[in-house]
PDB file of N, CA and C in Angstrom:
ATOM      1  N   MET A   1       1.054  -2.242 -14.221  1.00  0.00           N
ATOM      2  CA  MET A   1       0.424  -1.571 -13.087  1.00  0.00           C
ATOM      3  C   MET A   1      -0.762  -2.391 -12.615  1.00  0.00           C
ATOM      4  N   ASN A   2      -0.905  -2.460 -11.302  1.00  0.00           N
ATOM      5  CA  ASN A   2      -2.049  -3.164 -10.763  1.00  0.00           C
ATOM      6  C   ASN A   2      -3.083  -2.156 -10.245  1.00  0.00           C
ATOM      7  N   GLU A   3      -4.194  -2.691  -9.785  1.00  0.00           N
ATOM      8  CA  GLU A   3      -5.325  -1.848  -9.375  1.00  0.00           C
ATOM      9  C   GLU A   3      -4.968  -0.912  -8.219  1.00  0.00           C
ATOM     10  N   ASP A   4      -4.186  -1.406  -7.262  1.00  0.00           N
ATOM     11  CA  ASP A   4      -3.804  -0.560  -6.127  1.00  0.00           C
ATOM     12  C   ASP A   4      -2.940   0.617  -6.567  1.00  0.00           C
ATOM     13  N   GLN A   5      -2.057   0.390  -7.506  1.00  0.00           N
ATOM     14  CA  GLN A   5      -1.212   1.483  -7.994  1.00  0.00           C
ATOM     15  C   GLN A   5      -2.059   2.544  -8.697  1.00  0.00           C
ATOM     16  N   ILE A   6      -3.016   2.122  -9.500  1.00  0.00           N
ATOM     17  CA  ILE A   6      -3.865   3.056 -10.233  1.00  0.00           C
ATOM     18  C   ILE A   6      -4.766   3.834  -9.281  1.00  0.00           C
ATOM     19  N   ARG A   7      -5.431   3.110  -8.377  1.00  0.00           N
ATOM     20  CA  ARG A   7      -6.314   3.799  -7.423  1.00  0.00           C
ATOM     21  C   ARG A   7      -5.529   4.706  -6.481  1.00  0.00           C
ATOM     22  N   GLY A   8      -4.333   4.269  -6.093  1.00  0.00           N
ATOM     23  CA  GLY A   8      -3.496   5.098  -5.238  1.00  0.00           C
ATOM     24  C   GLY A   8      -3.095   6.394  -5.920  1.00  0.00           C
ATOM     25  N   ALA A   9      -2.741   6.293  -7.197  1.00  0.00           N
ATOM     26  CA  ALA A   9      -2.385   7.500  -7.947  1.00  0.00           C
ATOM     27  C   ALA A   9      -3.586   8.435  -8.065  1.00  0.00           C
ATOM     28  N   ALA A  10      -4.756   7.858  -8.317  1.00  0.00           N
ATOM     29  CA  ALA A  10      -5.966   8.683  -8.429  1.00  0.00           C
ATOM     30  C   ALA A  10      -6.286   9.370  -7.104  1.00  0.00           C
ATOM     31  N   ASN A  11      -6.157   8.646  -5.999  1.00  0.00           N
ATOM     32  CA  ASN A  11      -6.423   9.246  -4.689  1.00  0.00           C
ATOM     33  C   ASN A  11      -5.392  10.304  -4.333  1.00  0.00           C
ATOM     34  N   THR A  12      -4.144  10.088  -4.722  1.00  0.00           N
ATOM     35  CA  THR A  12      -3.108  11.083  -4.463  1.00  0.00           C
ATOM     36  C   THR A  12      -3.419  12.385  -5.197  1.00  0.00           C
ATOM     37  N   ILE A  13      -3.766  12.268  -6.462  1.00  0.00           N
ATOM     38  CA  ILE A  13      -4.100  13.459  -7.253  1.00  0.00           C
ATOM     39  C   ILE A  13      -5.368  14.120  -6.723  1.00  0.00           C
ATOM     40  N   GLY A  14      -6.382  13.299  -6.432  1.00  0.00           N
ATOM     41  CA  GLY A  14      -7.632  13.850  -5.885  1.00  0.00           C
ATOM     42  C   GLY A  14      -7.410  14.552  -4.559  1.00  0.00           C
ATOM     43  N   GLY A  15      -6.546  13.990  -3.729  1.00  0.00           N
ATOM     44  CA  GLY A  15      -6.235  14.613  -2.443  1.00  0.00           C
ATOM     45  C   GLY A  15      -5.529  15.941  -2.603  1.00  0.00           C
ATOM     46  N   ARG A  16      -4.620  16.012  -3.578  1.00  0.00           N
ATOM     47  CA  ARG A  16      -3.926  17.285  -3.839  1.00  0.00           C
ATOM     48  C   ARG A  16      -4.912  18.353  -4.277  1.00  0.00           C
ATOM     49  N   VAL A  17      -5.827  17.970  -5.171  1.00  0.00           N
ATOM     50  CA  VAL A  17      -6.829  18.927  -5.656  1.00  0.00           C
ATOM     51  C   VAL A  17      -7.724  19.368  -4.511  1.00  0.00           C
ATOM     52  N   GLN A  18      -8.164  18.404  -3.696  1.00  0.00           N
ATOM     53  CA  GLN A  18      -9.039  18.717  -2.571  1.00  0.00           C
ATOM     54  C   GLN A  18      -8.331  19.618  -1.562  1.00  0.00           C
ATOM     55  N   ARG A  19      -7.071  19.333  -1.306  1.00  0.00           N
ATOM     56  CA  ARG A  19      -6.304  20.155  -0.368  1.00  0.00           C
ATOM     57  C   ARG A  19      -6.139  21.573  -0.896  1.00  0.00           C
ATOM     58  N   ALA A  20      -5.851  21.695  -2.198  1.00  0.00           N
ATOM     59  CA  ALA A  20      -5.685  23.017  -2.806  1.00  0.00           C
ATOM     60  C   ALA A  20      -7.004  23.793  -2.788  1.00  0.00           C
ATOM     61  N   ALA A  21      -8.106  23.096  -3.054  1.00  0.00           N
ATOM     62  CA  ALA A  21      -9.416  23.755  -3.027  1.00  0.00           C
ATOM     63  C   ALA A  21      -9.739  24.241  -1.615  1.00  0.00           C
ATOM     64  N   GLY A  22      -9.401  23.428  -0.628  1.00  0.00           N
ATOM     65  CA  GLY A  22      -9.632  23.831   0.759  1.00  0.00           C
ATOM     66  C   GLY A  22      -8.784  25.026   1.154  1.00  0.00           C
ATOM     67  N   ALA A  23      -7.538  25.041   0.694  1.00  0.00           N
ATOM     68  CA  ALA A  23      -6.658  26.173   0.996  1.00  0.00           C
ATOM     69  C   ALA A  23      -7.153  27.434   0.316  1.00  0.00           C
ATOM     70  N   LEU A  24      -7.624  27.286  -0.914  1.00  0.00           N
ATOM     71  CA  LEU A  24      -8.117  28.436  -1.670  1.00  0.00           C
ATOM     72  C   LEU A  24      -9.395  29.007  -1.050  1.00  0.00           C
ATOM     73  N   ALA A  25     -10.261  28.117  -0.576  1.00  0.00           N
ATOM     74  CA  ALA A  25     -11.524  28.554   0.019  1.00  0.00           C
ATOM     75  C   ALA A  25     -11.380  28.910   1.495  1.00  0.00           C
ATOM     76  N   GLY A  26     -10.243  28.595   2.089  1.00  0.00           N
ATOM     77  CA  GLY A  26     -10.051  28.863   3.510  1.00  0.00           C
ATOM     78  C   GLY A  26     -10.755  27.843   4.390  1.00  0.00           C
ATOM     79  N   ASP A  27     -11.087  26.691   3.841  1.00  0.00           N
ATOM     80  CA  ASP A  27     -11.778  25.626   4.570  1.00  0.00           C
ATOM     81  C   ASP A  27     -10.730  24.632   5.076  1.00  0.00           C
ATOM     82  N   HIS A  28     -10.399  24.744   6.362  1.00  0.00           N
ATOM     83  CA  HIS A  28      -9.359  23.894   6.925  1.00  0.00           C
ATOM     84  C   HIS A  28      -9.785  22.434   6.996  1.00  0.00           C
ATOM     85  N   GLY A  29     -11.074  22.189   7.161  1.00  0.00           N
ATOM     86  CA  GLY A  29     -11.569  20.810   7.183  1.00  0.00           C
ATOM     87  C   GLY A  29     -11.366  20.130   5.845  1.00  0.00           C
ATOM     88  N   LEU A  30     -11.718  20.808   4.776  1.00  0.00           N
ATOM     89  CA  LEU A  30     -11.539  20.270   3.428  1.00  0.00           C
ATOM     90  C   LEU A  30     -10.057  20.092   3.113  1.00  0.00           C
ATOM     91  N   GLU A  31      -9.263  21.028   3.563  1.00  0.00           N
ATOM     92  CA  GLU A  31      -7.819  20.950   3.342  1.00  0.00           C
ATOM     93  C   GLU A  31      -7.234  19.737   4.079  1.00  0.00           C
ATOM     94  N   GLY A  32      -7.698  19.500   5.307  1.00  0.00           N
ATOM     95  CA  GLY A  32      -7.232  18.349   6.079  1.00  0.00           C
ATOM     96  C   GLY A  32      -7.664  17.033   5.452  1.00  0.00           C
ATOM     97  N   GLU A  33      -8.913  16.979   4.971  1.00  0.00           N
ATOM     98  CA  GLU A  33      -9.404  15.773   4.301  1.00  0.00           C
ATOM     99  C   GLU A  33      -8.581  15.483   3.050  1.00  0.00           C
ATOM    100  N   GLY A  34      -8.220  16.533   2.339  1.00  0.00           N
ATOM    101  CA  GLY A  34      -7.394  16.360   1.150  1.00  0.00           C
ATOM    102  C   GLY A  34      -6.023  15.817   1.478  1.00  0.00           C
ATOM    103  N   ALA A  35      -5.446  16.314   2.566  1.00  0.00           N
ATOM    104  CA  ALA A  35      -4.125  15.831   2.984  1.00  0.00           C
ATOM    105  C   ALA A  35      -4.190  14.359   3.377  1.00  0.00           C
ATOM    106  N   ILE A  36      -5.264  13.979   4.073  1.00  0.00           N
ATOM    107  CA  ILE A  36      -5.440  12.579   4.463  1.00  0.00           C
ATOM    108  C   ILE A  36      -5.631  11.703   3.234  1.00  0.00           C
ATOM    109  N   ARG A  37      -6.435  12.158   2.297  1.00  0.00           N
ATOM    110  CA  ARG A  37      -6.680  11.394   1.074  1.00  0.00           C
ATOM    111  C   ARG A  37      -5.394  11.237   0.255  1.00  0.00           C
ATOM    112  N   GLU A  38      -4.609  12.302   0.200  1.00  0.00           N
ATOM    113  CA  GLU A  38      -3.341  12.249  -0.533  1.00  0.00           C
ATOM    114  C   GLU A  38      -2.387  11.240   0.107  1.00  0.00           C
ATOM    115  N   THR A  39      -2.295  11.268   1.430  1.00  0.00           N
ATOM    116  CA  THR A  39      -1.423  10.334   2.139  1.00  0.00           C
ATOM    117  C   THR A  39      -1.898   8.897   1.962  1.00  0.00           C
ATOM    118  N   ALA A  40      -3.210   8.685   2.056  1.00  0.00           N
ATOM    119  CA  ALA A  40      -3.759   7.343   1.853  1.00  0.00           C
ATOM    120  C   ALA A  40      -3.477   6.845   0.435  1.00  0.00           C
ATOM    121  N   GLY A  41      -3.548   7.733  -0.533  1.00  0.00           N
ATOM    122  CA  GLY A  41      -3.231   7.374  -1.913  1.00  0.00           C
ATOM    123  C   GLY A  41      -1.790   6.952  -2.071  1.00  0.00           C
ATOM    124  N   ARG A  42      -0.900   7.659  -1.402  1.00  0.00           N
ATOM    125  CA  ARG A  42       0.522   7.302  -1.475  1.00  0.00           C
ATOM    126  C   ARG A  42       0.780   5.936  -0.847  1.00  0.00           C
ATOM    127  N   VAL A  43       0.117   5.670   0.281  1.00  0.00           N
ATOM    128  CA  VAL A  43       0.266   4.369   0.939  1.00  0.00           C
ATOM    129  C   VAL A  43      -0.275   3.264   0.042  1.00  0.00           C
ATOM    130  N   GLN A  44      -1.417   3.508  -0.594  1.00  0.00           N
ATOM    131  CA  GLN A  44      -2.002   2.522  -1.490  1.00  0.00           C
ATOM    132  C   GLN A  44      -1.093   2.254  -2.689  1.00  0.00           C
ATOM    133  N   GLN A  45      -0.466   3.301  -3.204  1.00  0.00           N
ATOM    134  CA  GLN A  45       0.490   3.126  -4.304  1.00  0.00           C
ATOM    135  C   GLN A  45       1.669   2.262  -3.863  1.00  0.00           C
ATOM    136  N   LYS A  46       2.188   2.511  -2.674  1.00  0.00           N
ATOM    137  CA  LYS A  46       3.318   1.725  -2.160  1.00  0.00           C
ATOM    138  C   LYS A  46       2.918   0.261  -1.964  1.00  0.00           C
ATOM    139  N   ALA A  47       1.696   0.024  -1.513  1.00  0.00           N
ATOM    140  CA  ALA A  47       1.214  -1.352  -1.373  1.00  0.00           C
ATOM    141  C   ALA A  47       1.154  -2.029  -2.737  1.00  0.00           C
ATOM    142  N   GLY A  48       0.689  -1.305  -3.735  1.00  0.00           N
ATOM    143  CA  GLY A  48       0.658  -1.840  -5.093  1.00  0.00           C
ATOM    144  C   GLY A  48       2.050  -2.124  -5.619  1.00  0.00           C
ATOM    145  N   ASP A  49       2.996  -1.244  -5.294  1.00  0.00           N
ATOM    146  CA  ASP A  49       4.388  -1.471  -5.693  1.00  0.00           C
ATOM    147  C   ASP A  49       4.936  -2.752  -5.052  1.00  0.00           C
ATOM    148  N   ALA A  50       4.591  -2.964  -3.774  1.00  0.00           N
ATOM    149  CA  ALA A  50       5.052  -4.161  -3.074  1.00  0.00           C
ATOM    150  C   ALA A  50       4.472  -5.422  -3.711  1.00  0.00           C
ATOM    151  N   VAL A  51       3.205  -5.380  -4.086  1.00  0.00           N
ATOM    152  CA  VAL A  51       2.571  -6.526  -4.741  1.00  0.00           C
ATOM    153  C   VAL A  51       3.272  -6.823  -6.062  1.00  0.00           C
ATOM    154  N   GLU A  52       3.566  -5.791  -6.831  1.00  0.00           N
ATOM    155  CA  GLU A  52       4.269  -5.984  -8.103  1.00  0.00           C
ATOM    156  C   GLU A  52       5.657  -6.574  -7.884  1.00  0.00           C
ATOM    157  N   HIS A  53       6.332  -6.116  -6.847  1.00  0.00           N
ATOM    158  CA  HIS A  53       7.673  -6.618  -6.547  1.00  0.00           C
ATOM    159  C   HIS A  53       7.617  -8.110  -6.200  1.00  0.00           C
ATOM    160  N   VAL A  54       6.639  -8.497  -5.396  1.00  0.00           N
ATOM    161  CA  VAL A  54       6.490  -9.899  -5.023  1.00  0.00           C
ATOM    162  C   VAL A  54       6.146 -10.735  -6.249  1.00  0.00           C
ATOM    163  N   ARG A  55       5.248 -10.244  -7.097  1.00  0.00           N
ATOM    164  CA  ARG A  55       4.895 -10.979  -8.313  1.00  0.00           C
ATOM    165  C   ARG A  55       6.121 -11.194  -9.202  1.00  0.00           C
ATOM    166  N   ASP A  56       6.929 -10.166  -9.344  1.00  0.00           N
ATOM    167  CA  ASP A  56       8.142 -10.291 -10.157  1.00  0.00           C
ATOM    168  C   ASP A  56       9.113 -11.297  -9.554  1.00  0.00           C
ATOM    169  N   ALA A  57       9.268 -11.248  -8.231  1.00  0.00           N
ATOM    170  CA  ALA A  57      10.184 -12.171  -7.564  1.00  0.00           C
ATOM    171  C   ALA A  57       9.711 -13.613  -7.724  1.00  0.00           C
ATOM    172  N   VAL A  58       8.412 -13.830  -7.586  1.00  0.00           N
ATOM    173  CA  VAL A  58       7.869 -15.183  -7.733  1.00  0.00           C
ATOM    174  C   VAL A  58       8.013 -15.661  -9.171  1.00  0.00           C
ATOM    175  N   ALA A  59       7.801 -14.779 -10.133  1.00  0.00           N
ATOM    176  CA  ALA A  59       7.906 -15.165 -11.538  1.00  0.00           C
ATOM    177  C   ALA A  59       9.337 -15.520 -11.927  1.00  0.00           C
ATOM    178  N   HIS A  60      10.305 -14.828 -11.349  1.00  0.00           N
ATOM    179  CA  HIS A  60      11.694 -15.066 -11.712  1.00  0.00           C
ATOM    180  C   HIS A  60      12.361 -16.146 -10.867  1.00  0.00           C
ATOM    181  N   ARG A  61      11.895 -16.329  -9.638  1.00  0.00           N
ATOM    182  CA  ARG A  61      12.487 -17.333  -8.750  1.00  0.00           C
ATOM    183  C   ARG A  61      11.392 -18.084  -7.997  1.00  0.00           C
ATOM    184  N   PRO A  62      10.656 -18.954  -8.676  1.00  0.00           N
ATOM    185  CA  PRO A  62       9.534 -19.630  -8.018  1.00  0.00           C
ATOM    186  C   PRO A  62       9.973 -20.541  -6.871  1.00  0.00           C
ATOM    187  N   LEU A  63      11.079 -21.245  -7.015  1.00  0.00           N
ATOM    188  CA  LEU A  63      11.527 -22.141  -5.950  1.00  0.00           C
ATOM    189  C   LEU A  63      11.907 -21.340  -4.703  1.00  0.00           C
ATOM    190  N   GLY A  64      12.594 -20.231  -4.899  1.00  0.00           N
ATOM    191  CA  GLY A  64      12.948 -19.378  -3.762  1.00  0.00           C
ATOM    192  C   GLY A  64      11.721 -18.828  -3.069  1.00  0.00           C
ATOM    193  N   ALA A  65      10.701 -18.478  -3.843  1.00  0.00           N
ATOM    194  CA  ALA A  65       9.461 -17.957  -3.256  1.00  0.00           C
ATOM    195  C   ALA A  65       8.755 -19.039  -2.443  1.00  0.00           C
ATOM    196  N   ILE A  66       8.744 -20.268  -2.965  1.00  0.00           N
ATOM    197  CA  ILE A  66       8.104 -21.371  -2.239  1.00  0.00           C
ATOM    198  C   ILE A  66       8.845 -21.653  -0.942  1.00  0.00           C
ATOM    199  N   LEU A  67      10.162 -21.691  -1.010  1.00  0.00           N
ATOM    200  CA  LEU A  67      10.954 -21.952   0.198  1.00  0.00           C
ATOM    201  C   LEU A  67      10.816 -20.823   1.209  1.00  0.00           C
ATOM    202  N   SER A  68      10.758 -19.600   0.743  1.00  0.00           N
ATOM    203  CA  SER A  68      10.568 -18.459   1.657  1.00  0.00           C
ATOM    204  C   SER A  68       9.207 -18.541   2.336  1.00  0.00           C
ATOM    205  N   GLY A  69       8.177 -18.842   1.567  1.00  0.00           N
ATOM    206  CA  GLY A  69       6.844 -18.985   2.139  1.00  0.00           C
ATOM    207  C   GLY A  69       6.780 -20.117   3.146  1.00  0.00           C
ATOM    208  N   PHE A  70       7.459 -21.225   2.845  1.00  0.00           N
ATOM    209  CA  PHE A  70       7.518 -22.351   3.761  1.00  0.00           C
ATOM    210  C   PHE A  70       8.197 -21.939   5.067  1.00  0.00           C
ATOM    211  N   GLY A  71       9.306 -21.211   4.947  1.00  0.00           N
ATOM    212  CA  GLY A  71      10.023 -20.758   6.135  1.00  0.00           C
ATOM    213  C   GLY A  71       9.199 -19.807   6.982  1.00  0.00           C
ATOM    214  N   VAL A  72       8.497 -18.887   6.341  1.00  0.00           N
ATOM    215  CA  VAL A  72       7.637 -17.957   7.080  1.00  0.00           C
ATOM    216  C   VAL A  72       6.511 -18.724   7.771  1.00  0.00           C
ATOM    217  N   GLY A  73       5.958 -19.717   7.089  1.00  0.00           N
ATOM    218  CA  GLY A  73       4.899 -20.534   7.689  1.00  0.00           C
ATOM    219  C   GLY A  73       5.376 -21.271   8.926  1.00  0.00           C
ATOM    220  N   ILE A  74       6.577 -21.818   8.856  1.00  0.00           N
ATOM    221  CA  ILE A  74       7.134 -22.513  10.021  1.00  0.00           C
ATOM    222  C   ILE A  74       7.352 -21.530  11.167  1.00  0.00           C
ATOM    223  N   LEU A  75       7.890 -20.366  10.861  1.00  0.00           N
ATOM    224  CA  LEU A  75       8.136 -19.354  11.887  1.00  0.00           C
ATOM    225  C   LEU A  75       6.833 -18.912  12.552  1.00  0.00           C
ATOM    226  N   VAL A  76       5.814 -18.637  11.758  1.00  0.00           N
ATOM    227  CA  VAL A  76       4.522 -18.234  12.321  1.00  0.00           C
ATOM    228  C   VAL A  76       3.940 -19.370  13.162  1.00  0.00           C
ATOM    229  N   GLY A  77       4.054 -20.602  12.683  1.00  0.00           N
ATOM    230  CA  GLY A  77       3.563 -21.751  13.445  1.00  0.00           C
ATOM    231  C   GLY A  77       4.268 -21.884  14.782  1.00  0.00           C
ATOM    232  N   MET A  78       5.574 -21.685  14.800  1.00  0.00           N
ATOM    233  CA  MET A  78       6.322 -21.757  16.043  1.00  0.00           C
ATOM    234  C   MET A  78       5.927 -20.651  17.013  1.00  0.00           C
ATOM    235  N   LEU A  79       5.715 -19.452  16.476  1.00  0.00           N
ATOM    236  CA  LEU A  79       5.312 -18.335  17.334  1.00  0.00           C
ATOM    237  C   LEU A  79       3.929 -18.554  17.919  1.00  0.00           C
ATOM    238  N   LEU A  80       3.006 -19.077  17.111  1.00  0.00           N
ATOM    239  CA  LEU A  80       1.660 -19.335  17.607  1.00  0.00           C
ATOM    240  C   LEU A  80       1.643 -20.494  18.602  1.00  0.00           C
ATOM    241  N   ALA A  81       2.495 -21.463  18.419  1.00  0.00           N
ATOM    242  CA  ALA A  81       2.552 -22.597  19.342  1.00  0.00           C
ATOM    243  C   ALA A  81       3.079 -22.176  20.700  1.00  0.00           C
ATOM    244  N   ARG A  82       3.921 -21.174  20.752  1.00  0.00           N
ATOM    245  CA  ARG A  82       4.483 -20.700  22.027  1.00  0.00           C
ATOM    246  C   ARG A  82       3.455 -19.963  22.853  1.00  0.00           C
ATOM    247  N   ARG A  83       2.383 -19.488  22.242  1.00  0.00           N
ATOM    248  CA  ARG A  83       1.363 -18.727  22.984  1.00  0.00           C
ATOM    249  C   ARG A  83       0.541 -19.616  23.886  1.00  0.00           C
ATOM    250  N   ASP A  84       0.465 -20.889  23.606  1.00  0.00           N
ATOM    251  CA  ASP A  84      -0.384 -21.803  24.415  1.00  0.00           C
ATOM    252  C   ASP A  84       0.198 -22.114  25.740  1.00  0.00           C
TER     253      ASP A  84
END
């Protein structure tokens, strides 16, 4: 697990608690903040999952990762050159 996965899980849980507390107290603002925090936590977890997936792919296929990065670099360079 990386830092984004851990922090995302913590924010997801914290958001659920905050949302439940807001619902229990009848505070719609707190409930909305909790929902936003929960969603942000889920997004952060998914970003952490993506980082782990890339790390695994690079560790198992370093040449493929280098060639993919090279290809993306060429594509971005071509797109930026067309803007001029």
